């Protein structure tokens, strides 16, 4: 018996298209203007197989505005001035932190995150 193709990468079976993942998105610095409810974390339910790029498109955040992206506390950019890895896949319960440019603090002599 042949299995049906799924529209979700890596998923098989007749109901694979209905599987979703819940993620939390936290926006910082200049990206807070893209939040739906002020400074509160944004809970999102996305189709399984969604990526960081899908979150950016859903929230209408230009990738060029993201200077730091942390997925579960780990930096997902390849280098300091590289673009965020929009292909990073999301799993159930992931926390995605996105920040615009970090303001410089003269009091500390270095950027403050």
C-alpha atoms as a PDB file:
ATOM      1  CA  UNK A   1       0.000   0.000   0.000  1.00  0.00           C
ATOM      2  CA  UNK A   2       1.402   3.375  -1.017  1.00  0.00           C
ATOM      3  CA  UNK A   3       1.486   6.237   1.523  1.00  0.00           C
ATOM      4  CA  UNK A   4       0.081   9.644   0.653  1.00  0.00           C
ATOM      5  CA  UNK A   5       2.421  12.557   0.066  1.00  0.00           C
ATOM      6  CA  UNK A   6       2.250  15.313   2.638  1.00  0.00           C
ATOM      7  CA  UNK A   7       2.593  19.048   2.088  1.00  0.00           C
ATOM      8  CA  UNK A   8       4.690  19.305   5.267  1.00  0.00           C
ATOM      9  CA  UNK A   9       8.375  18.440   4.828  1.00  0.00           C
ATOM     10  CA  UNK A  10       9.368  15.328   6.755  1.00  0.00           C
ATOM     11  CA  UNK A  11       5.771  14.373   7.558  1.00  0.00           C
ATOM     12  CA  UNK A  12       3.910  11.361   6.188  1.00  0.00           C
ATOM     13  CA  UNK A  13       0.335  10.156   6.324  1.00  0.00           C
ATOM     14  CA  UNK A  14      -3.127  11.458   5.606  1.00  0.00           C
ATOM     15  CA  UNK A  15      -3.317  13.928   8.509  1.00  0.00           C
ATOM     16  CA  UNK A  16       0.237  15.319   8.406  1.00  0.00           C
ATOM     17  CA  UNK A  17      -1.003  18.659   7.051  1.00  0.00           C
ATOM     18  CA  UNK A  18      -2.966  19.255  10.271  1.00  0.00           C
ATOM     19  CA  UNK A  19       0.014  18.980  12.627  1.00  0.00           C
ATOM     20  CA  UNK A  20       1.060  22.260  14.199  1.00  0.00           C
ATOM     21  CA  UNK A  21       3.746  23.490  16.568  1.00  0.00           C
ATOM     22  CA  UNK A  22       3.371  26.208  19.169  1.00  0.00           C
ATOM     23  CA  UNK A  23       6.273  28.607  19.554  1.00  0.00           C
ATOM     24  CA  UNK A  24       6.890  31.754  21.560  1.00  0.00           C
ATOM     25  CA  UNK A  25       8.444  34.786  19.884  1.00  0.00           C
ATOM     26  CA  UNK A  26      10.088  37.498  21.981  1.00  0.00           C
ATOM     27  CA  UNK A  27      10.946  40.789  20.306  1.00  0.00           C
ATOM     28  CA  UNK A  28      13.553  43.245  21.579  1.00  0.00           C
ATOM     29  CA  UNK A  29      14.830  46.743  20.819  1.00  0.00           C
ATOM     30  CA  UNK A  30      13.589  48.181  17.505  1.00  0.00           C
ATOM     31  CA  UNK A  31      11.632  45.001  16.667  1.00  0.00           C
ATOM     32  CA  UNK A  32       9.104  45.537  19.463  1.00  0.00           C
ATOM     33  CA  UNK A  33       7.022  47.624  17.052  1.00  0.00           C
ATOM     34  CA  UNK A  34       6.143  44.376  15.231  1.00  0.00           C
ATOM     35  CA  UNK A  35       4.609  42.853  18.371  1.00  0.00           C
ATOM     36  CA  UNK A  36       0.845  42.552  18.373  1.00  0.00           C
ATOM     37  CA  UNK A  37       0.503  43.309  22.079  1.00  0.00           C
ATOM     38  CA  UNK A  38       3.255  45.656  23.138  1.00  0.00           C
ATOM     39  CA  UNK A  39       6.244  44.066  24.846  1.00  0.00           C
ATOM     40  CA  UNK A  40       4.578  40.748  25.674  1.00  0.00           C
ATOM     41  CA  UNK A  41       5.871  37.544  24.065  1.00  0.00           C
ATOM     42  CA  UNK A  42       3.874  36.455  21.030  1.00  0.00           C
ATOM     43  CA  UNK A  43       2.509  32.907  21.003  1.00  0.00           C
ATOM     44  CA  UNK A  44       2.191  31.454  17.524  1.00  0.00           C
ATOM     45  CA  UNK A  45       0.774  28.212  16.206  1.00  0.00           C
ATOM     46  CA  UNK A  46       2.382  27.253  12.903  1.00  0.00           C
ATOM     47  CA  UNK A  47       2.251  24.223  10.607  1.00  0.00           C
ATOM     48  CA  UNK A  48       4.820  21.542  11.473  1.00  0.00           C
ATOM     49  CA  UNK A  49       7.946  22.053   9.418  1.00  0.00           C
ATOM     50  CA  UNK A  50       7.815  25.843   9.750  1.00  0.00           C
ATOM     51  CA  UNK A  51      11.033  27.832   9.908  1.00  0.00           C
ATOM     52  CA  UNK A  52      12.289  31.082  11.391  1.00  0.00           C
ATOM     53  CA  UNK A  53      11.663  32.653   7.977  1.00  0.00           C
ATOM     54  CA  UNK A  54       7.987  31.682   8.253  1.00  0.00           C
ATOM     55  CA  UNK A  55       7.780  33.559  11.578  1.00  0.00           C
ATOM     56  CA  UNK A  56       9.411  36.640  10.046  1.00  0.00           C
ATOM     57  CA  UNK A  57       6.969  36.596   7.123  1.00  0.00           C
ATOM     58  CA  UNK A  58       3.959  36.000   9.390  1.00  0.00           C
ATOM     59  CA  UNK A  59       4.942  38.935  11.627  1.00  0.00           C
ATOM     60  CA  UNK A  60       5.986  41.063   8.620  1.00  0.00           C
ATOM     61  CA  UNK A  61       9.513  41.565   9.993  1.00  0.00           C
ATOM     62  CA  UNK A  62      12.102  42.210   7.277  1.00  0.00           C
ATOM     63  CA  UNK A  63      15.047  39.825   7.730  1.00  0.00           C
ATOM     64  CA  UNK A  64      17.420  42.738   7.206  1.00  0.00           C
ATOM     65  CA  UNK A  65      16.097  44.349  10.430  1.00  0.00           C
ATOM     66  CA  UNK A  66      17.059  41.338  12.582  1.00  0.00           C
ATOM     67  CA  UNK A  67      20.544  41.714  14.073  1.00  0.00           C
ATOM     68  CA  UNK A  68      20.346  38.897  16.612  1.00  0.00           C
ATOM     69  CA  UNK A  69      18.251  35.730  16.594  1.00  0.00           C
ATOM     70  CA  UNK A  70      18.290  33.255  19.461  1.00  0.00           C
ATOM     71  CA  UNK A  71      16.476  29.931  19.192  1.00  0.00           C
ATOM     72  CA  UNK A  72      16.103  28.471  22.686  1.00  0.00           C
ATOM     73  CA  UNK A  73      18.976  30.684  23.824  1.00  0.00           C
ATOM     74  CA  UNK A  74      21.374  29.718  21.011  1.00  0.00           C
ATOM     75  CA  UNK A  75      22.521  32.197  18.395  1.00  0.00           C
ATOM     76  CA  UNK A  76      21.356  31.082  14.937  1.00  0.00           C
ATOM     77  CA  UNK A  77      23.447  33.518  12.919  1.00  0.00           C
ATOM     78  CA  UNK A  78      26.687  32.304  11.397  1.00  0.00           C
ATOM     79  CA  UNK A  79      28.708  35.426  12.247  1.00  0.00           C
ATOM     80  CA  UNK A  80      28.383  38.892  13.732  1.00  0.00           C
ATOM     81  CA  UNK A  81      27.188  40.663  10.574  1.00  0.00           C
ATOM     82  CA  UNK A  82      25.593  37.684   8.800  1.00  0.00           C
ATOM     83  CA  UNK A  83      21.901  37.407   8.051  1.00  0.00           C
ATOM     84  CA  UNK A  84      19.720  35.395  10.414  1.00  0.00           C
ATOM     85  CA  UNK A  85      19.323  31.735   9.475  1.00  0.00           C
ATOM     86  CA  UNK A  86      15.761  31.845   8.158  1.00  0.00           C
ATOM     87  CA  UNK A  87      15.925  28.126   7.347  1.00  0.00           C
ATOM     88  CA  UNK A  88      16.275  27.072  10.998  1.00  0.00           C
ATOM     89  CA  UNK A  89      13.393  24.700  11.715  1.00  0.00           C
ATOM     90  CA  UNK A  90      11.048  25.209  14.649  1.00  0.00           C
ATOM     91  CA  UNK A  91       9.835  22.525  17.066  1.00  0.00           C
ATOM     92  CA  UNK A  92       7.024  22.411  19.600  1.00  0.00           C
ATOM     93  CA  UNK A  93       7.713  24.735  22.538  1.00  0.00           C
ATOM     94  CA  UNK A  94      10.618  26.601  20.956  1.00  0.00           C
ATOM     95  CA  UNK A  95      11.353  30.148  22.115  1.00  0.00           C
ATOM     96  CA  UNK A  96      12.601  32.482  19.387  1.00  0.00           C
ATOM     97  CA  UNK A  97      14.174  35.759  20.491  1.00  0.00           C
ATOM     98  CA  UNK A  98      14.647  38.442  17.832  1.00  0.00           C
ATOM     99  CA  UNK A  99      16.437  41.751  18.298  1.00  0.00           C
ATOM    100  CA  UNK A 100      17.130  44.784  16.187  1.00  0.00           C
ATOM    101  CA  UNK A 101      20.333  46.770  16.675  1.00  0.00           C
ATOM    102  CA  UNK A 102      21.455  46.845  20.296  1.00  0.00           C
ATOM    103  CA  UNK A 103      21.861  50.391  21.630  1.00  0.00           C
ATOM    104  CA  UNK A 104      25.343  51.371  22.728  1.00  0.00           C
ATOM    105  CA  UNK A 105      25.728  52.199  26.393  1.00  0.00           C
ATOM    106  CA  UNK A 106      28.453  54.665  27.348  1.00  0.00           C
ATOM    107  CA  UNK A 107      28.035  53.720  30.979  1.00  0.00           C
ATOM    108  CA  UNK A 108      29.197  50.177  30.358  1.00  0.00           C
ATOM    109  CA  UNK A 109      31.496  50.894  27.424  1.00  0.00           C
ATOM    110  CA  UNK A 110      29.949  48.114  25.356  1.00  0.00           C
ATOM    111  CA  UNK A 111      26.623  47.099  23.827  1.00  0.00           C
ATOM    112  CA  UNK A 112      24.064  45.996  26.382  1.00  0.00           C
ATOM    113  CA  UNK A 113      21.818  43.046  25.531  1.00  0.00           C
END
